[in-house]
Amino acid sequence: MKSTIILLLAAVLLHGEEIALQKIDFNDGRSMLGKYDKDKGSLALCDEKTGKILATIPVKSEDIKAVTDVKVTTKESDPLDKRGINGKWITNYEAALKLAAETHRPILAVLTGSDWCPWCVKLEKEMFSSQKFKDWAKDNVVLLYLDFPQNKKLSKEQEKQNRELQDKWGQGGYPTLYLISEKGDKYDWKHGYSEGGLDKWLAYLDFSKKKLTK
């Protein structure tokens, strides 16, 4: 093993550029990608998509089983791969408004009691956890999750925000789905759980979205 493995990264990584990294295999079975410096006893962990150094951690040479040179093709970051518009929920309303304005999408906000409301849990399992819903959301809405738990603690800021939005939009119980325009105006809502499965929910949401264009 070379005493020092030198990693050269371009200042700007272009789409499809091939860069050299190292795969570090540890004696305990773990494998990591990055830059290992034996003299300093450190490992710089790298993002395999961009080559960017994420963190540097201390390591011992005796813990390393093997170091292998690898080639990685970098990928340009996708501007739509952001939490809130990539099928994953965010919890900050101002961030949701910003994404809605940038993408010209409505916000789909859910008021839920994640750890105590049985209908909320059922909706989460039947709808929000499905890949079909996540794929639909990627093309249609900004996802905003407003939780009102009983057994887990939210930050004071998060709790205050959720209560204020609940008061602003009107108490509808749990779960309640709100459709909010990119300007922050509530224009549709649906309270409670409805039988009929995911397709019925998506049909309702598609119908509700069309109200914005009328």
C-alpha atoms as a PDB file:
ATOM      1  CA  MET A   1       0.000   0.000   0.000  1.00  0.00           C
ATOM      2  CA  LYS A   2       1.358   3.417  -0.819  1.00  0.00           C
ATOM      3  CA  SER A   3       2.021   5.551   2.233  1.00  0.00           C
ATOM      4  CA  THR A   4       0.009   8.402   0.774  1.00  0.00           C
ATOM      5  CA  ILE A   5      -2.691   8.243  -1.860  1.00  0.00           C
ATOM      6  CA  ILE A   6      -3.045  11.558  -3.613  1.00  0.00           C
ATOM      7  CA  LEU A   7      -6.454  12.563  -4.873  1.00  0.00           C
ATOM      8  CA  LEU A   8      -6.663  15.308  -7.462  1.00  0.00           C
ATOM      9  CA  LEU A   9     -10.096  16.818  -8.022  1.00  0.00           C
ATOM     10  CA  ALA A  10     -10.857  19.448 -10.640  1.00  0.00           C
ATOM     11  CA  ALA A  11     -12.120  22.750  -9.306  1.00  0.00           C
ATOM     12  CA  VAL A  12     -15.236  22.422 -11.392  1.00  0.00           C
ATOM     13  CA  LEU A  13     -16.569  18.960 -12.103  1.00  0.00           C
ATOM     14  CA  LEU A  14     -18.361  18.719 -15.420  1.00  0.00           C
ATOM     15  CA  HIS A  15     -21.255  16.421 -16.215  1.00  0.00           C
ATOM     16  CA  GLY A  16     -19.932  13.017 -17.142  1.00  0.00           C
ATOM     17  CA  GLU A  17     -16.336  13.739 -16.098  1.00  0.00           C
ATOM     18  CA  GLU A  18     -14.408  10.705 -14.891  1.00  0.00           C
ATOM     19  CA  ILE A  19     -12.356  11.216 -11.738  1.00  0.00           C
ATOM     20  CA  ALA A  20     -10.068   8.991  -9.681  1.00  0.00           C
ATOM     21  CA  LEU A  21     -11.105   8.024  -6.160  1.00  0.00           C
ATOM     22  CA  GLN A  22     -10.160   5.225  -3.788  1.00  0.00           C
ATOM     23  CA  LYS A  23     -12.268   2.479  -2.291  1.00  0.00           C
ATOM     24  CA  ILE A  24     -11.097   1.793   1.246  1.00  0.00           C
ATOM     25  CA  ASP A  25     -12.025  -1.628   2.667  1.00  0.00           C
ATOM     26  CA  PHE A  26     -11.825  -2.030   6.439  1.00  0.00           C
ATOM     27  CA  ASN A  27     -11.146  -5.167   8.427  1.00  0.00           C
ATOM     28  CA  ASP A  28     -14.640  -5.002   9.967  1.00  0.00           C
ATOM     29  CA  GLY A  29     -16.305  -5.278   6.552  1.00  0.00           C
ATOM     30  CA  ARG A  30     -17.047  -1.596   5.929  1.00  0.00           C
ATOM     31  CA  SER A  31     -16.122   0.115   2.671  1.00  0.00           C
ATOM     32  CA  MET A  32     -15.765   3.838   2.069  1.00  0.00           C
ATOM     33  CA  LEU A  33     -15.007   6.050  -0.914  1.00  0.00           C
ATOM     34  CA  GLY A  34     -12.557   8.915  -0.749  1.00  0.00           C
ATOM     35  CA  LYS A  35      -8.970   9.913  -0.032  1.00  0.00           C
ATOM     36  CA  TYR A  36      -6.787   8.130   2.511  1.00  0.00           C
ATOM     37  CA  ASP A  37      -3.668   9.808   3.896  1.00  0.00           C
ATOM     38  CA  LYS A  38      -1.610   7.311   5.917  1.00  0.00           C
ATOM     39  CA  ASP A  39       0.869   9.906   7.151  1.00  0.00           C
ATOM     40  CA  LYS A  40      -1.899  12.024   8.660  1.00  0.00           C
ATOM     41  CA  GLY A  41      -4.035   9.036   9.652  1.00  0.00           C
ATOM     42  CA  SER A  42      -7.100  10.560   7.977  1.00  0.00           C
ATOM     43  CA  LEU A  43      -9.702   9.665   5.415  1.00  0.00           C
ATOM     44  CA  ALA A  44     -11.503  12.308   3.360  1.00  0.00           C
ATOM     45  CA  LEU A  45     -14.918  10.914   2.468  1.00  0.00           C
ATOM     46  CA  CYS A  46     -16.124  11.900  -1.011  1.00  0.00           C
ATOM     47  CA  ASP A  47     -19.481  12.072  -2.723  1.00  0.00           C
ATOM     48  CA  GLU A  48     -19.416   9.497  -5.491  1.00  0.00           C
ATOM     49  CA  LYS A  49     -21.683  11.661  -7.688  1.00  0.00           C
ATOM     50  CA  THR A  50     -19.635  14.863  -7.556  1.00  0.00           C
ATOM     51  CA  GLY A  51     -16.268  13.963  -6.036  1.00  0.00           C
ATOM     52  CA  LYS A  52     -16.822  16.643  -3.394  1.00  0.00           C
ATOM     53  CA  ILE A  53     -15.195  16.025  -0.021  1.00  0.00           C
ATOM     54  CA  LEU A  54     -17.969  15.579   2.553  1.00  0.00           C
ATOM     55  CA  ALA A  55     -15.985  15.050   5.748  1.00  0.00           C
ATOM     56  CA  THR A  56     -12.582  14.011   7.049  1.00  0.00           C
ATOM     57  CA  ILE A  57     -12.335  11.330   9.710  1.00  0.00           C
ATOM     58  CA  PRO A  58      -9.392   9.808  11.646  1.00  0.00           C
ATOM     59  CA  VAL A  59      -8.447   6.224  10.744  1.00  0.00           C
ATOM     60  CA  LYS A  60      -5.764   3.770  11.769  1.00  0.00           C
ATOM     61  CA  SER A  61      -3.692   1.987   9.144  1.00  0.00           C
ATOM     62  CA  GLU A  62      -4.052  -1.316  10.981  1.00  0.00           C
ATOM     63  CA  ASP A  63      -7.844  -1.092  10.575  1.00  0.00           C
ATOM     64  CA  ILE A  64      -7.577  -0.953   6.781  1.00  0.00           C
ATOM     65  CA  LYS A  65      -7.651  -4.166   4.781  1.00  0.00           C
ATOM     66  CA  ALA A  66      -7.145  -2.760   1.285  1.00  0.00           C
ATOM     67  CA  VAL A  67      -7.156   0.437  -0.767  1.00  0.00           C
ATOM     68  CA  THR A  68      -8.217   0.194  -4.392  1.00  0.00           C
ATOM     69  CA  ASP A  69      -8.141   2.880  -7.076  1.00  0.00           C
ATOM     70  CA  VAL A  70     -11.528   3.353  -8.713  1.00  0.00           C
ATOM     71  CA  LYS A  71     -12.929   5.554 -11.469  1.00  0.00           C
ATOM     72  CA  VAL A  72     -16.133   7.453 -10.846  1.00  0.00           C
ATOM     73  CA  THR A  73     -18.176   9.331 -13.429  1.00  0.00           C
ATOM     74  CA  THR A  74     -19.512  12.523 -11.900  1.00  0.00           C
ATOM     75  CA  LYS A  75     -23.055  13.676 -12.416  1.00  0.00           C
ATOM     76  CA  GLU A  76     -24.355  17.193 -12.601  1.00  0.00           C
ATOM     77  CA  SER A  77     -26.748  17.931  -9.752  1.00  0.00           C
ATOM     78  CA  ASP A  78     -30.418  17.945 -10.714  1.00  0.00           C
ATOM     79  CA  PRO A  79     -32.087  21.255  -9.712  1.00  0.00           C
ATOM     80  CA  LEU A  80     -35.322  19.346  -9.114  1.00  0.00           C
ATOM     81  CA  ASP A  81     -33.664  16.912  -6.718  1.00  0.00           C
ATOM     82  CA  LYS A  82     -34.529  18.966  -3.665  1.00  0.00           C
ATOM     83  CA  ARG A  83     -36.492  17.869  -0.647  1.00  0.00           C
ATOM     84  CA  GLY A  84     -40.020  19.232  -1.043  1.00  0.00           C
ATOM     85  CA  ILE A  85     -40.143  18.752  -4.811  1.00  0.00           C
ATOM     86  CA  ASN A  86     -38.492  15.370  -5.152  1.00  0.00           C
ATOM     87  CA  GLY A  87     -41.236  13.344  -3.512  1.00  0.00           C
ATOM     88  CA  LYS A  88     -39.946  13.975   0.023  1.00  0.00           C
ATOM     89  CA  TRP A  89     -41.576  16.172   2.639  1.00  0.00           C
ATOM     90  CA  ILE A  90     -40.239  19.373   4.174  1.00  0.00           C
ATOM     91  CA  THR A  91     -41.527  20.966   7.370  1.00  0.00           C
ATOM     92  CA  ASN A  92     -40.693  24.656   6.849  1.00  0.00           C
ATOM     93  CA  TYR A  93     -43.492  26.747   5.368  1.00  0.00           C
ATOM     94  CA  GLU A  94     -41.287  29.603   4.109  1.00  0.00           C
ATOM     95  CA  ALA A  95     -39.059  27.096   2.308  1.00  0.00           C
ATOM     96  CA  ALA A  96     -42.166  25.513   0.781  1.00  0.00           C
ATOM     97  CA  LEU A  97     -43.389  28.905  -0.452  1.00  0.00           C
ATOM     98  CA  LYS A  98     -40.012  29.590  -2.034  1.00  0.00           C
ATOM     99  CA  LEU A  99     -40.047  26.246  -3.849  1.00  0.00           C
ATOM    100  CA  ALA A 100     -43.633  26.819  -4.959  1.00  0.00           C
ATOM    101  CA  ALA A 101     -42.704  30.191  -6.466  1.00  0.00           C
ATOM    102  CA  GLU A 102     -39.628  28.745  -8.185  1.00  0.00           C
ATOM    103  CA  THR A 103     -41.463  25.783  -9.699  1.00  0.00           C
ATOM    104  CA  HIS A 104     -44.942  27.348 -10.113  1.00  0.00           C
ATOM    105  CA  ARG A 105     -46.515  24.494  -8.217  1.00  0.00           C
ATOM    106  CA  PRO A 106     -49.079  24.476  -5.434  1.00  0.00           C
ATOM    107  CA  ILE A 107     -48.167  23.299  -1.958  1.00  0.00           C
ATOM    108  CA  LEU A 108     -49.753  20.100  -0.721  1.00  0.00           C
ATOM    109  CA  ALA A 109     -49.773  20.490   3.050  1.00  0.00           C
ATOM    110  CA  VAL A 110     -50.873  17.734   5.399  1.00  0.00           C
ATOM    111  CA  LEU A 111     -51.875  18.256   9.024  1.00  0.00           C
ATOM    112  CA  THR A 112     -51.299  14.988  10.802  1.00  0.00           C
ATOM    113  CA  GLY A 113     -50.958  13.380  14.187  1.00  0.00           C
ATOM    114  CA  SER A 114     -48.265  10.940  13.203  1.00  0.00           C
ATOM    115  CA  ASP A 115     -47.934   9.033  16.466  1.00  0.00           C
ATOM    116  CA  TRP A 116     -51.503   8.897  17.759  1.00  0.00           C
ATOM    117  CA  CYS A 117     -54.073   9.379  14.944  1.00  0.00           C
ATOM    118  CA  PRO A 118     -55.048   5.980  13.409  1.00  0.00           C
ATOM    119  CA  TRP A 119     -56.477   7.560  10.252  1.00  0.00           C
ATOM    120  CA  CYS A 120     -53.287   9.549   9.776  1.00  0.00           C
ATOM    121  CA  VAL A 121     -51.241   6.377  10.057  1.00  0.00           C
ATOM    122  CA  LYS A 122     -53.537   4.655   7.562  1.00  0.00           C
ATOM    123  CA  LEU A 123     -53.214   7.543   5.105  1.00  0.00           C
ATOM    124  CA  GLU A 124     -49.428   7.511   5.491  1.00  0.00           C
ATOM    125  CA  LYS A 125     -49.272   3.792   4.783  1.00  0.00           C
ATOM    126  CA  GLU A 126     -51.797   3.751   1.944  1.00  0.00           C
ATOM    127  CA  MET A 127     -50.830   6.940   0.168  1.00  0.00           C
ATOM    128  CA  PHE A 128     -47.744   8.883   1.240  1.00  0.00           C
ATOM    129  CA  SER A 129     -45.446   5.856   1.513  1.00  0.00           C
ATOM    130  CA  SER A 130     -46.256   4.576  -1.968  1.00  0.00           C
ATOM    131  CA  GLN A 131     -43.843   5.093  -4.846  1.00  0.00           C
ATOM    132  CA  LYS A 132     -46.743   6.047  -7.103  1.00  0.00           C
ATOM    133  CA  PHE A 133     -47.584   8.999  -4.869  1.00  0.00           C
ATOM    134  CA  LYS A 134     -43.941  10.069  -4.631  1.00  0.00           C
ATOM    135  CA  ASP A 135     -43.585   9.954  -8.419  1.00  0.00           C
ATOM    136  CA  TRP A 136     -46.791  11.976  -8.809  1.00  0.00           C
ATOM    137  CA  ALA A 137     -45.603  14.543  -6.277  1.00  0.00           C
ATOM    138  CA  LYS A 138     -42.293  15.032  -8.111  1.00  0.00           C
ATOM    139  CA  ASP A 139     -44.174  16.441 -11.093  1.00  0.00           C
ATOM    140  CA  ASN A 140     -47.014  18.273  -9.388  1.00  0.00           C
ATOM    141  CA  VAL A 141     -46.625  19.728  -5.889  1.00  0.00           C
ATOM    142  CA  VAL A 142     -44.402  20.924  -3.085  1.00  0.00           C
ATOM    143  CA  LEU A 143     -44.830  18.629  -0.079  1.00  0.00           C
ATOM    144  CA  LEU A 144     -45.260  20.265   3.347  1.00  0.00           C
ATOM    145  CA  TYR A 145     -45.606  18.083   6.456  1.00  0.00           C
ATOM    146  CA  LEU A 146     -47.179  19.672   9.534  1.00  0.00           C
ATOM    147  CA  ASP A 147     -47.173  17.255  12.432  1.00  0.00           C
ATOM    148  CA  PHE A 148     -49.028  17.506  15.747  1.00  0.00           C
ATOM    149  CA  PRO A 149     -47.604  14.551  17.695  1.00  0.00           C
ATOM    150  CA  GLN A 150     -48.414  13.631  21.276  1.00  0.00           C
ATOM    151  CA  ASN A 151     -45.467  11.424  22.175  1.00  0.00           C
ATOM    152  CA  LYS A 152     -42.552  13.044  20.361  1.00  0.00           C
ATOM    153  CA  LYS A 153     -41.278  16.562  20.815  1.00  0.00           C
ATOM    154  CA  LEU A 154     -41.059  19.179  18.095  1.00  0.00           C
ATOM    155  CA  SER A 155     -38.878  22.260  18.334  1.00  0.00           C
ATOM    156  CA  LYS A 156     -40.633  25.334  19.720  1.00  0.00           C
ATOM    157  CA  GLU A 157     -40.243  27.035  16.347  1.00  0.00           C
ATOM    158  CA  GLN A 158     -41.766  24.092  14.490  1.00  0.00           C
ATOM    159  CA  GLU A 159     -44.655  23.786  16.933  1.00  0.00           C
ATOM    160  CA  LYS A 160     -45.374  27.524  16.718  1.00  0.00           C
ATOM    161  CA  GLN A 161     -45.327  27.475  12.914  1.00  0.00           C
ATOM    162  CA  ASN A 162     -47.648  24.470  12.712  1.00  0.00           C
ATOM    163  CA  ARG A 163     -50.169  25.988  15.138  1.00  0.00           C
ATOM    164  CA  GLU A 164     -50.177  29.322  13.317  1.00  0.00           C
ATOM    165  CA  LEU A 165     -50.801  27.652   9.964  1.00  0.00           C
ATOM    166  CA  GLN A 166     -53.529  25.510  11.483  1.00  0.00           C
ATOM    167  CA  ASP A 167     -55.225  28.649  12.789  1.00  0.00           C
ATOM    168  CA  LYS A 168     -54.724  30.489   9.498  1.00  0.00           C
ATOM    169  CA  TRP A 169     -56.156  27.762   7.310  1.00  0.00           C
ATOM    170  CA  GLY A 170     -58.846  26.628   9.710  1.00  0.00           C
ATOM    171  CA  GLN A 171     -58.965  23.624  12.008  1.00  0.00           C
ATOM    172  CA  GLY A 172     -60.063  20.592  10.048  1.00  0.00           C
ATOM    173  CA  GLY A 173     -58.984  17.833  12.380  1.00  0.00           C
ATOM    174  CA  TYR A 174     -56.535  15.118  11.470  1.00  0.00           C
ATOM    175  CA  PRO A 175     -55.607  14.282   8.832  1.00  0.00           C
ATOM    176  CA  THR A 176     -56.386  17.312   6.680  1.00  0.00           C
ATOM    177  CA  LEU A 177     -54.885  18.002   3.269  1.00  0.00           C
ATOM    178  CA  TYR A 178     -54.599  21.598   2.101  1.00  0.00           C
ATOM    179  CA  LEU A 179     -53.816  22.861  -1.393  1.00  0.00           C
ATOM    180  CA  ILE A 180     -52.016  26.205  -1.171  1.00  0.00           C
ATOM    181  CA  SER A 181     -51.197  28.373  -4.170  1.00  0.00           C
ATOM    182  CA  GLU A 182     -47.651  29.527  -4.842  1.00  0.00           C
ATOM    183  CA  LYS A 183     -48.697  32.896  -3.397  1.00  0.00           C
ATOM    184  CA  GLY A 184     -49.719  31.295  -0.124  1.00  0.00           C
ATOM    185  CA  ASP A 185     -53.493  31.303  -0.596  1.00  0.00           C
ATOM    186  CA  LYS A 186     -55.548  28.301   0.491  1.00  0.00           C
ATOM    187  CA  TYR A 187     -57.799  27.255  -2.364  1.00  0.00           C
ATOM    188  CA  ASP A 188     -58.878  23.733  -1.540  1.00  0.00           C
ATOM    189  CA  TRP A 189     -58.835  21.243   1.309  1.00  0.00           C
ATOM    190  CA  LYS A 190     -59.972  17.775   2.237  1.00  0.00           C
ATOM    191  CA  HIS A 191     -60.511  16.537   5.778  1.00  0.00           C
ATOM    192  CA  GLY A 192     -60.273  13.011   7.078  1.00  0.00           C
ATOM    193  CA  TYR A 193     -59.530   9.683   5.518  1.00  0.00           C
ATOM    194  CA  SER A 194     -61.475   8.487   2.475  1.00  0.00           C
ATOM    195  CA  GLU A 195     -61.845   4.913   1.393  1.00  0.00           C
ATOM    196  CA  GLY A 196     -61.002   4.088  -2.186  1.00  0.00           C
ATOM    197  CA  GLY A 197     -57.261   3.786  -2.247  1.00  0.00           C
ATOM    198  CA  LEU A 198     -54.445   5.789  -3.748  1.00  0.00           C
ATOM    199  CA  ASP A 199     -55.959   6.259  -7.205  1.00  0.00           C
ATOM    200  CA  LYS A 200     -59.014   7.979  -5.714  1.00  0.00           C
ATOM    201  CA  TRP A 201     -56.789  10.340  -3.739  1.00  0.00           C
ATOM    202  CA  LEU A 202     -54.670  11.208  -6.765  1.00  0.00           C
ATOM    203  CA  ALA A 203     -57.793  11.807  -8.873  1.00  0.00           C
ATOM    204  CA  TYR A 204     -58.998  14.278  -6.253  1.00  0.00           C
ATOM    205  CA  LEU A 205     -55.631  16.044  -6.093  1.00  0.00           C
ATOM    206  CA  ASP A 206     -55.389  16.304  -9.881  1.00  0.00           C
ATOM    207  CA  PHE A 207     -58.915  17.747  -9.993  1.00  0.00           C
ATOM    208  CA  SER A 208     -58.076  20.207  -7.228  1.00  0.00           C
ATOM    209  CA  LYS A 209     -54.893  21.336  -8.983  1.00  0.00           C
ATOM    210  CA  LYS A 210     -56.871  22.229 -12.102  1.00  0.00           C
ATOM    211  CA  LYS A 211     -58.798  24.844 -10.131  1.00  0.00           C
ATOM    212  CA  LEU A 212     -55.683  27.001 -10.211  1.00  0.00           C
ATOM    213  CA  THR A 213     -55.794  27.252 -13.990  1.00  0.00           C
ATOM    214  CA  LYS A 214     -59.479  28.192 -14.245  1.00  0.00           C
END
